[in-house]
Amino acid sequence: MKRIAVVVGAGVLTLLSSPAAAQTSTTGPKATATVKVQKPLQLTALRDLQFGTVLVGAFTGTQTVTIASTGRTCGSGSGLTCSGTFTTAQFRLVGSNNSVALITSPTPTVSLSNGAGATLALTLSFPSSVTIDNSGNPGKLFEVGGSLPFTSTMADGIYTGTIDIQVAYQ
């Protein structure tokens, strides 16, 4: 009988000294997955920037003609006369409703040329961003204006150049 007691005792010792059973899993904080889906932006030029006709007379220094959504400013004194039709450029932006789009230009100063080597530096003005409040037509309309510096020694001609406007979601 002693022998049986020793075997049982050894069996009890083996059970007590065996490693603990594996722990059960615990729950912790959960992560969230999110994705924002947007329509691609579509930019369309609807109207060109037109300064009309500028008659350059005698004056000293530089005078500026500016086209904005509020109208045209023709110099700051005598020597310039503006006439003819003038308009800001107009663009239509279509994208996801209630999204903000940033407006930029890689060339905020555009070189206008008369084809004979003379140039004018057009400085563009436009909003830095717009909120697209209509994802379909008409989309969001915005205007691009600008300023041209004139001197009394400028060469005649029709000066033209290309306006590069770019948009991206904020």
N, C-alpha and C. Protein backbone atom coordinates (compact mmCIF):
# COMPACT_ATOMS: atom_id res chain seq x y z
N MET A 1 0.80 -1.19 0.00
CA MET A 1 0.00 0.00 0.00
C MET A 1 0.84 1.25 0.00
N LYS A 2 1.94 1.16 0.62
CA LYS A 2 2.80 2.32 0.55
C LYS A 2 3.12 2.66 -0.88
N ARG A 3 3.30 1.68 -1.63
CA ARG A 3 3.63 1.91 -3.02
C ARG A 3 2.52 2.65 -3.74
N ILE A 4 1.34 2.35 -3.53
CA ILE A 4 0.22 3.02 -4.17
C ILE A 4 0.14 4.47 -3.71
N ALA A 5 0.35 4.72 -2.45
CA ALA A 5 0.31 6.08 -1.93
C ALA A 5 1.38 6.93 -2.57
N VAL A 6 2.54 6.37 -2.80
CA VAL A 6 3.63 7.10 -3.43
C VAL A 6 3.28 7.41 -4.87
N VAL A 7 2.72 6.50 -5.57
CA VAL A 7 2.34 6.71 -6.97
C VAL A 7 1.26 7.77 -7.04
N VAL A 8 0.30 7.71 -6.19
CA VAL A 8 -0.76 8.71 -6.18
C VAL A 8 -0.18 10.05 -5.81
N GLY A 9 0.69 10.06 -4.80
CA GLY A 9 1.34 11.31 -4.40
C GLY A 9 2.17 11.89 -5.54
N ALA A 10 2.87 11.07 -6.26
CA ALA A 10 3.65 11.53 -7.39
C ALA A 10 2.74 12.05 -8.48
N GLY A 11 1.60 11.38 -8.64
CA GLY A 11 0.63 11.85 -9.63
C GLY A 11 0.07 13.20 -9.27
N VAL A 12 -0.18 13.43 -8.01
CA VAL A 12 -0.68 14.72 -7.55
C VAL A 12 0.39 15.77 -7.74
N LEU A 13 1.61 15.46 -7.45
CA LEU A 13 2.69 16.42 -7.64
C LEU A 13 2.86 16.77 -9.11
N THR A 14 2.71 15.81 -9.98
CA THR A 14 2.82 16.07 -11.41
C THR A 14 1.73 17.02 -11.88
N LEU A 15 0.54 16.88 -11.41
CA LEU A 15 -0.56 17.75 -11.80
C LEU A 15 -0.34 19.16 -11.30
N LEU A 16 0.16 19.30 -10.11
CA LEU A 16 0.36 20.63 -9.56
C LEU A 16 1.53 21.36 -10.22
N SER A 17 2.53 20.64 -10.70
CA SER A 17 3.67 21.30 -11.28
C SER A 17 3.58 21.43 -12.79
N SER A 18 2.52 20.97 -13.43
CA SER A 18 2.38 21.10 -14.89
C SER A 18 2.09 22.55 -15.25
N PRO A 19 2.46 22.97 -16.47
CA PRO A 19 2.21 24.37 -16.87
C PRO A 19 0.73 24.70 -16.84
N ALA A 20 0.42 26.00 -16.67
CA ALA A 20 -0.98 26.43 -16.61
C ALA A 20 -1.62 26.25 -17.98
N ALA A 21 -2.89 26.04 -18.00
CA ALA A 21 -3.63 25.88 -19.25
C ALA A 21 -3.59 27.20 -20.03
N ALA A 22 -3.72 27.17 -21.39
CA ALA A 22 -3.67 28.37 -22.24
C ALA A 22 -4.77 29.35 -21.82
N GLN A 23 -4.41 30.67 -21.88
CA GLN A 23 -5.39 31.69 -21.49
C GLN A 23 -6.44 31.84 -22.58
N THR A 24 -7.61 32.26 -22.18
CA THR A 24 -8.66 32.55 -23.16
C THR A 24 -8.42 33.93 -23.75
N SER A 25 -8.93 34.25 -24.97
CA SER A 25 -8.70 35.55 -25.62
C SER A 25 -9.46 36.65 -24.91
N THR A 26 -8.92 37.88 -25.04
CA THR A 26 -9.58 39.03 -24.43
C THR A 26 -9.96 40.00 -25.53
N THR A 27 -10.95 40.79 -25.28
CA THR A 27 -11.36 41.80 -26.26
C THR A 27 -10.79 43.14 -25.84
N GLY A 28 -10.46 43.95 -26.85
CA GLY A 28 -9.90 45.26 -26.58
C GLY A 28 -10.58 46.29 -27.48
N PRO A 29 -9.94 47.45 -27.65
CA PRO A 29 -10.54 48.49 -28.50
C PRO A 29 -10.63 48.00 -29.94
N LYS A 30 -11.62 48.50 -30.63
CA LYS A 30 -11.87 48.11 -32.02
C LYS A 30 -11.40 49.24 -32.95
N ALA A 31 -10.98 48.91 -34.15
CA ALA A 31 -10.58 49.89 -35.18
C ALA A 31 -11.74 50.06 -36.15
N THR A 32 -11.76 51.20 -36.82
CA THR A 32 -12.79 51.49 -37.80
C THR A 32 -12.15 51.62 -39.17
N ALA A 33 -12.77 51.10 -40.19
CA ALA A 33 -12.32 51.27 -41.57
C ALA A 33 -13.18 52.34 -42.22
N THR A 34 -12.54 53.27 -42.94
CA THR A 34 -13.26 54.38 -43.57
C THR A 34 -12.71 54.59 -44.97
N VAL A 35 -13.58 54.97 -45.89
CA VAL A 35 -13.16 55.35 -47.23
C VAL A 35 -14.08 56.47 -47.72
N LYS A 36 -13.50 57.47 -48.35
CA LYS A 36 -14.28 58.55 -48.94
C LYS A 36 -14.25 58.36 -50.44
N VAL A 37 -15.41 58.25 -51.04
CA VAL A 37 -15.53 58.04 -52.48
C VAL A 37 -15.99 59.34 -53.11
N GLN A 38 -15.25 59.80 -54.12
CA GLN A 38 -15.59 61.05 -54.78
C GLN A 38 -15.64 60.85 -56.30
N LYS A 39 -16.44 61.70 -56.93
CA LYS A 39 -16.47 61.72 -58.39
C LYS A 39 -15.22 62.43 -58.88
N PRO A 40 -14.73 62.07 -60.06
CA PRO A 40 -13.57 62.80 -60.58
C PRO A 40 -13.97 64.25 -60.90
N LEU A 41 -13.04 65.16 -60.68
CA LEU A 41 -13.30 66.56 -61.00
C LEU A 41 -13.25 66.75 -62.51
N GLN A 42 -14.18 67.55 -63.01
CA GLN A 42 -14.20 67.89 -64.44
C GLN A 42 -14.23 69.41 -64.54
N LEU A 43 -13.25 69.97 -65.23
CA LEU A 43 -13.13 71.42 -65.39
C LEU A 43 -13.35 71.77 -66.85
N THR A 44 -14.25 72.72 -67.08
CA THR A 44 -14.56 73.15 -68.44
C THR A 44 -14.43 74.67 -68.53
N ALA A 45 -13.73 75.16 -69.55
CA ALA A 45 -13.64 76.60 -69.79
C ALA A 45 -14.88 77.01 -70.58
N LEU A 46 -15.64 77.96 -70.02
CA LEU A 46 -16.88 78.41 -70.67
C LEU A 46 -16.70 79.74 -71.40
N ARG A 47 -15.78 80.56 -70.93
CA ARG A 47 -15.63 81.90 -71.50
C ARG A 47 -14.17 82.34 -71.36
N ASP A 48 -13.68 83.06 -72.36
CA ASP A 48 -12.30 83.56 -72.35
C ASP A 48 -12.20 84.89 -71.61
N LEU A 49 -11.00 85.18 -71.14
CA LEU A 49 -10.70 86.46 -70.49
C LEU A 49 -10.46 87.49 -71.60
N GLN A 50 -11.27 88.54 -71.61
CA GLN A 50 -11.20 89.58 -72.65
C GLN A 50 -10.96 90.94 -72.00
N PHE A 51 -9.94 91.65 -72.44
CA PHE A 51 -9.65 92.98 -71.93
C PHE A 51 -10.25 94.08 -72.81
N GLY A 52 -10.77 93.72 -73.97
CA GLY A 52 -11.28 94.72 -74.89
C GLY A 52 -10.13 95.40 -75.61
N THR A 53 -10.30 96.67 -75.95
CA THR A 53 -9.27 97.45 -76.63
C THR A 53 -8.70 98.48 -75.66
N VAL A 54 -7.38 98.61 -75.64
CA VAL A 54 -6.72 99.59 -74.79
C VAL A 54 -5.94 100.54 -75.71
N LEU A 55 -6.34 101.79 -75.71
CA LEU A 55 -5.65 102.83 -76.46
C LEU A 55 -4.58 103.42 -75.55
N VAL A 56 -3.31 103.28 -75.99
CA VAL A 56 -2.18 103.73 -75.18
C VAL A 56 -1.73 105.09 -75.68
N GLY A 57 -1.87 106.11 -74.82
CA GLY A 57 -1.44 107.47 -75.14
C GLY A 57 -0.14 107.79 -74.43
N ALA A 58 0.09 109.07 -74.23
CA ALA A 58 1.31 109.53 -73.57
C ALA A 58 1.12 109.56 -72.07
N PHE A 59 2.02 108.89 -71.35
CA PHE A 59 2.07 108.93 -69.89
C PHE A 59 3.43 108.41 -69.47
N THR A 60 3.78 108.64 -68.25
CA THR A 60 5.06 108.14 -67.75
C THR A 60 4.81 106.96 -66.82
N GLY A 61 5.80 106.08 -66.74
CA GLY A 61 5.69 104.93 -65.86
C GLY A 61 4.80 103.84 -66.43
N THR A 62 4.14 103.15 -65.54
CA THR A 62 3.28 102.01 -65.91
C THR A 62 1.89 102.24 -65.35
N GLN A 63 0.90 101.90 -66.17
CA GLN A 63 -0.49 101.90 -65.71
C GLN A 63 -1.06 100.50 -65.93
N THR A 64 -1.99 100.13 -65.09
CA THR A 64 -2.53 98.77 -65.10
C THR A 64 -4.00 98.76 -65.47
N VAL A 65 -4.35 97.78 -66.32
CA VAL A 65 -5.75 97.51 -66.63
C VAL A 65 -6.10 96.19 -65.96
N THR A 66 -7.19 96.20 -65.18
CA THR A 66 -7.60 95.03 -64.41
C THR A 66 -9.02 94.63 -64.80
N ILE A 67 -9.21 93.33 -64.98
CA ILE A 67 -10.54 92.76 -65.23
C ILE A 67 -10.87 91.86 -64.03
N ALA A 68 -12.01 92.13 -63.41
CA ALA A 68 -12.48 91.33 -62.27
C ALA A 68 -13.98 91.11 -62.42
N SER A 69 -14.52 90.27 -61.58
CA SER A 69 -15.97 90.02 -61.64
C SER A 69 -16.76 91.29 -61.36
N THR A 70 -16.13 92.27 -60.72
CA THR A 70 -16.80 93.53 -60.39
C THR A 70 -16.67 94.57 -61.51
N GLY A 71 -15.87 94.28 -62.54
CA GLY A 71 -15.75 95.21 -63.66
C GLY A 71 -14.32 95.38 -64.14
N ARG A 72 -14.11 96.46 -64.91
CA ARG A 72 -12.79 96.76 -65.46
C ARG A 72 -12.28 98.07 -64.90
N THR A 73 -11.00 98.08 -64.52
CA THR A 73 -10.32 99.30 -64.09
C THR A 73 -9.30 99.63 -65.18
N CYS A 74 -9.35 100.85 -65.68
CA CYS A 74 -8.51 101.25 -66.81
C CYS A 74 -7.49 102.29 -66.36
N GLY A 75 -6.36 101.82 -65.85
CA GLY A 75 -5.29 102.73 -65.45
C GLY A 75 -5.64 103.55 -64.22
N SER A 76 -4.68 104.42 -63.86
CA SER A 76 -4.87 105.23 -62.67
C SER A 76 -4.81 106.72 -62.97
N GLY A 77 -4.78 107.07 -64.21
CA GLY A 77 -4.71 108.48 -64.59
C GLY A 77 -4.98 108.61 -66.08
N SER A 78 -4.51 109.69 -66.67
CA SER A 78 -4.72 109.88 -68.10
C SER A 78 -3.68 109.08 -68.88
N GLY A 79 -3.95 108.85 -70.14
CA GLY A 79 -3.01 108.15 -71.00
C GLY A 79 -3.52 106.81 -71.48
N LEU A 80 -4.46 106.20 -70.78
CA LEU A 80 -5.06 104.94 -71.23
C LEU A 80 -6.55 105.15 -71.43
N THR A 81 -7.06 104.58 -72.51
CA THR A 81 -8.50 104.59 -72.76
C THR A 81 -8.91 103.16 -73.06
N CYS A 82 -9.87 102.63 -72.31
CA CYS A 82 -10.36 101.27 -72.52
C CYS A 82 -11.72 101.33 -73.18
N SER A 83 -11.93 100.45 -74.14
CA SER A 83 -13.23 100.36 -74.82
C SER A 83 -13.47 98.92 -75.24
N GLY A 84 -14.65 98.68 -75.75
CA GLY A 84 -14.97 97.33 -76.22
C GLY A 84 -15.40 96.40 -75.11
N THR A 85 -15.72 95.21 -75.53
CA THR A 85 -16.23 94.18 -74.61
C THR A 85 -15.11 93.63 -73.74
N PHE A 86 -15.39 93.51 -72.46
CA PHE A 86 -14.45 92.89 -71.53
C PHE A 86 -15.21 91.87 -70.69
N THR A 87 -14.56 90.76 -70.37
CA THR A 87 -15.16 89.72 -69.54
C THR A 87 -14.07 88.97 -68.79
N THR A 88 -14.42 88.47 -67.63
CA THR A 88 -13.55 87.53 -66.95
C THR A 88 -13.66 86.19 -67.68
N ALA A 89 -12.67 85.34 -67.51
CA ALA A 89 -12.80 83.96 -67.97
C ALA A 89 -13.74 83.26 -66.99
N GLN A 90 -14.49 82.30 -67.49
CA GLN A 90 -15.40 81.57 -66.61
C GLN A 90 -15.18 80.08 -66.80
N PHE A 91 -15.15 79.36 -65.68
CA PHE A 91 -14.95 77.92 -65.68
C PHE A 91 -16.09 77.24 -64.94
N ARG A 92 -16.39 76.02 -65.36
CA ARG A 92 -17.37 75.17 -64.67
C ARG A 92 -16.63 73.98 -64.07
N LEU A 93 -16.88 73.74 -62.79
CA LEU A 93 -16.26 72.63 -62.08
C LEU A 93 -17.36 71.68 -61.62
N VAL A 94 -17.23 70.42 -62.01
CA VAL A 94 -18.19 69.39 -61.61
C VAL A 94 -17.41 68.33 -60.83
N GLY A 95 -17.99 67.87 -59.72
CA GLY A 95 -17.37 66.84 -58.88
C GLY A 95 -18.36 66.38 -57.83
N SER A 96 -17.86 65.94 -56.70
CA SER A 96 -18.72 65.45 -55.62
C SER A 96 -19.36 66.61 -54.86
N ASN A 97 -20.65 66.48 -54.63
CA ASN A 97 -21.43 67.50 -53.95
C ASN A 97 -20.86 67.79 -52.56
N ASN A 98 -20.84 69.07 -52.20
CA ASN A 98 -20.37 69.56 -50.89
C ASN A 98 -18.88 69.33 -50.63
N SER A 99 -18.10 69.11 -51.67
CA SER A 99 -16.66 68.95 -51.53
C SER A 99 -15.98 70.28 -51.85
N VAL A 100 -14.82 70.48 -51.23
CA VAL A 100 -14.02 71.68 -51.49
C VAL A 100 -12.95 71.34 -52.52
N ALA A 101 -12.83 72.19 -53.54
CA ALA A 101 -11.80 72.02 -54.56
C ALA A 101 -10.84 73.20 -54.49
N LEU A 102 -9.55 72.91 -54.51
CA LEU A 102 -8.52 73.94 -54.52
C LEU A 102 -8.24 74.35 -55.96
N ILE A 103 -8.07 75.64 -56.19
CA ILE A 103 -7.81 76.16 -57.53
C ILE A 103 -6.40 76.74 -57.56
N THR A 104 -5.62 76.32 -58.54
CA THR A 104 -4.25 76.82 -58.69
C THR A 104 -3.94 77.03 -60.16
N SER A 105 -2.79 77.61 -60.41
CA SER A 105 -2.26 77.72 -61.76
C SER A 105 -0.75 77.53 -61.69
N PRO A 106 -0.21 76.65 -62.53
CA PRO A 106 1.24 76.49 -62.55
C PRO A 106 1.94 77.73 -63.12
N THR A 107 1.17 78.57 -63.82
CA THR A 107 1.70 79.81 -64.38
C THR A 107 0.77 80.97 -64.00
N PRO A 108 0.86 81.45 -62.74
CA PRO A 108 -0.02 82.54 -62.31
C PRO A 108 0.28 83.86 -63.03
N THR A 109 1.45 83.93 -63.68
CA THR A 109 1.75 85.06 -64.56
C THR A 109 1.93 84.49 -65.96
N VAL A 110 1.05 84.89 -66.86
CA VAL A 110 1.01 84.36 -68.22
C VAL A 110 1.63 85.38 -69.16
N SER A 111 2.50 84.92 -70.04
CA SER A 111 3.10 85.80 -71.04
C SER A 111 2.18 85.87 -72.26
N LEU A 112 1.66 87.07 -72.54
CA LEU A 112 0.86 87.30 -73.74
C LEU A 112 1.79 87.87 -74.81
N SER A 113 1.66 87.37 -76.02
CA SER A 113 2.54 87.81 -77.11
C SER A 113 1.71 88.37 -78.26
N ASN A 114 2.28 89.37 -78.96
CA ASN A 114 1.58 89.95 -80.11
C ASN A 114 1.99 89.29 -81.43
N GLY A 115 2.80 88.25 -81.38
CA GLY A 115 3.23 87.55 -82.59
C GLY A 115 4.44 88.18 -83.26
N ALA A 116 4.84 89.38 -82.83
CA ALA A 116 6.00 90.06 -83.41
C ALA A 116 7.12 90.19 -82.38
N GLY A 117 7.02 89.45 -81.28
CA GLY A 117 8.08 89.47 -80.27
C GLY A 117 7.78 90.30 -79.04
N ALA A 118 6.76 91.15 -79.08
CA ALA A 118 6.41 91.95 -77.91
C ALA A 118 5.55 91.11 -76.96
N THR A 119 5.73 91.32 -75.66
CA THR A 119 4.97 90.55 -74.67
C THR A 119 4.38 91.45 -73.60
N LEU A 120 3.36 90.94 -72.97
CA LEU A 120 2.72 91.55 -71.80
C LEU A 120 2.63 90.47 -70.73
N ALA A 121 2.82 90.83 -69.47
CA ALA A 121 2.75 89.88 -68.36
C ALA A 121 1.39 89.97 -67.69
N LEU A 122 0.53 88.99 -67.96
CA LEU A 122 -0.80 88.91 -67.37
C LEU A 122 -0.70 88.23 -66.01
N THR A 123 -1.08 88.95 -64.96
CA THR A 123 -1.13 88.36 -63.61
C THR A 123 -2.56 87.94 -63.34
N LEU A 124 -2.76 86.64 -63.15
CA LEU A 124 -4.11 86.09 -62.96
C LEU A 124 -4.62 86.33 -61.56
N SER A 125 -5.95 86.41 -61.44
CA SER A 125 -6.61 86.45 -60.14
C SER A 125 -7.78 85.48 -60.19
N PHE A 126 -7.87 84.65 -59.15
CA PHE A 126 -8.94 83.63 -59.09
C PHE A 126 -9.11 83.21 -57.64
N PRO A 127 -10.24 82.59 -57.31
CA PRO A 127 -10.43 82.13 -55.92
C PRO A 127 -9.46 80.99 -55.62
N SER A 128 -9.03 80.89 -54.37
CA SER A 128 -8.11 79.81 -53.99
C SER A 128 -8.83 78.47 -53.84
N SER A 129 -10.15 78.53 -53.59
CA SER A 129 -10.93 77.31 -53.47
C SER A 129 -12.41 77.63 -53.69
N VAL A 130 -13.16 76.59 -54.01
CA VAL A 130 -14.62 76.70 -54.12
C VAL A 130 -15.24 75.45 -53.51
N THR A 131 -16.47 75.59 -53.04
CA THR A 131 -17.23 74.43 -52.58
C THR A 131 -18.20 74.05 -53.67
N ILE A 132 -18.13 72.81 -54.08
CA ILE A 132 -19.01 72.31 -55.14
C ILE A 132 -20.37 72.06 -54.51
N ASP A 133 -21.32 72.93 -54.80
CA ASP A 133 -22.64 72.81 -54.18
C ASP A 133 -23.66 72.16 -55.10
N ASN A 134 -23.22 71.70 -56.26
CA ASN A 134 -24.10 71.01 -57.19
C ASN A 134 -23.24 70.03 -57.97
N SER A 135 -23.41 68.73 -57.73
CA SER A 135 -22.53 67.74 -58.35
C SER A 135 -22.83 67.50 -59.83
N GLY A 136 -23.98 67.95 -60.30
CA GLY A 136 -24.31 67.82 -61.72
C GLY A 136 -24.22 69.16 -62.40
N ASN A 137 -24.91 69.33 -63.52
CA ASN A 137 -24.93 70.63 -64.19
C ASN A 137 -25.76 71.59 -63.37
N PRO A 138 -25.44 72.84 -63.20
CA PRO A 138 -24.32 73.51 -63.87
C PRO A 138 -23.01 73.34 -63.14
N GLY A 139 -22.94 72.54 -62.08
CA GLY A 139 -21.69 72.45 -61.33
C GLY A 139 -21.45 73.74 -60.58
N LYS A 140 -20.20 74.01 -60.29
CA LYS A 140 -19.83 75.25 -59.61
C LYS A 140 -19.11 76.14 -60.62
N LEU A 141 -19.64 77.34 -60.84
CA LEU A 141 -19.01 78.29 -61.75
C LEU A 141 -18.08 79.19 -60.96
N PHE A 142 -16.92 79.50 -61.54
CA PHE A 142 -16.02 80.48 -60.94
C PHE A 142 -15.34 81.27 -62.05
N GLU A 143 -14.86 82.46 -61.68
CA GLU A 143 -14.30 83.38 -62.65
C GLU A 143 -12.80 83.59 -62.42
N VAL A 144 -12.11 83.86 -63.52
CA VAL A 144 -10.68 84.17 -63.48
C VAL A 144 -10.50 85.53 -64.16
N GLY A 145 -9.92 86.45 -63.43
CA GLY A 145 -9.62 87.77 -63.97
C GLY A 145 -8.12 87.96 -64.03
N GLY A 146 -7.71 89.22 -64.20
CA GLY A 146 -6.29 89.47 -64.25
C GLY A 146 -5.95 90.93 -64.45
N SER A 147 -4.65 91.21 -64.39
CA SER A 147 -4.14 92.57 -64.55
C SER A 147 -3.02 92.58 -65.58
N LEU A 148 -3.00 93.65 -66.41
CA LEU A 148 -1.96 93.86 -67.40
C LEU A 148 -1.29 95.21 -67.18
N PRO A 149 0.04 95.25 -67.14
CA PRO A 149 0.74 96.53 -67.02
C PRO A 149 1.02 97.11 -68.42
N PHE A 150 0.75 98.40 -68.58
CA PHE A 150 0.98 99.07 -69.86
C PHE A 150 1.99 100.21 -69.69
N THR A 151 2.83 100.39 -70.70
CA THR A 151 3.71 101.56 -70.79
C THR A 151 3.34 102.29 -72.08
N SER A 152 3.74 103.55 -72.17
CA SER A 152 3.39 104.34 -73.35
C SER A 152 4.19 103.93 -74.58
N THR A 153 5.21 103.10 -74.44
CA THR A 153 6.04 102.69 -75.57
C THR A 153 5.72 101.27 -76.05
N MET A 154 4.58 100.74 -75.66
CA MET A 154 4.21 99.37 -76.03
C MET A 154 3.97 99.26 -77.52
N ALA A 155 4.31 98.09 -78.07
CA ALA A 155 4.07 97.81 -79.48
C ALA A 155 2.59 97.48 -79.71
N ASP A 156 2.10 97.87 -80.87
CA ASP A 156 0.72 97.55 -81.26
C ASP A 156 0.57 96.04 -81.46
N GLY A 157 -0.66 95.61 -81.52
CA GLY A 157 -0.94 94.22 -81.86
C GLY A 157 -2.00 93.62 -80.96
N ILE A 158 -2.39 92.43 -81.33
CA ILE A 158 -3.32 91.64 -80.52
C ILE A 158 -2.47 90.64 -79.74
N TYR A 159 -2.48 90.78 -78.44
CA TYR A 159 -1.67 89.94 -77.56
C TYR A 159 -2.52 88.76 -77.07
N THR A 160 -1.98 87.56 -77.17
CA THR A 160 -2.70 86.37 -76.74
C THR A 160 -1.79 85.45 -75.93
N GLY A 161 -2.40 84.62 -75.13
CA GLY A 161 -1.69 83.62 -74.34
C GLY A 161 -2.70 82.64 -73.77
N THR A 162 -2.21 81.60 -73.15
CA THR A 162 -3.08 80.54 -72.63
C THR A 162 -3.10 80.55 -71.11
N ILE A 163 -4.30 80.49 -70.55
CA ILE A 163 -4.50 80.45 -69.11
C ILE A 163 -4.60 78.97 -68.71
N ASP A 164 -3.77 78.56 -67.75
CA ASP A 164 -3.76 77.18 -67.27
C ASP A 164 -4.28 77.15 -65.84
N ILE A 165 -5.50 76.69 -65.66
CA ILE A 165 -6.13 76.57 -64.33
C ILE A 165 -6.21 75.09 -63.99
N GLN A 166 -5.86 74.75 -62.76
CA GLN A 166 -5.91 73.37 -62.30
C GLN A 166 -6.71 73.29 -61.00
N VAL A 167 -7.38 72.17 -60.82
CA VAL A 167 -8.19 71.95 -59.62
C VAL A 167 -7.87 70.58 -59.00
N ALA A 168 -8.03 70.51 -57.69
CA ALA A 168 -7.82 69.25 -56.96
C ALA A 168 -8.69 69.29 -55.71
N TYR A 169 -9.15 68.14 -55.28
CA TYR A 169 -9.90 68.08 -54.02
C TYR A 169 -9.00 68.46 -52.86
N GLN A 170 -9.59 69.13 -51.88
CA GLN A 170 -8.86 69.50 -50.67
C GLN A 170 -8.66 68.27 -49.82
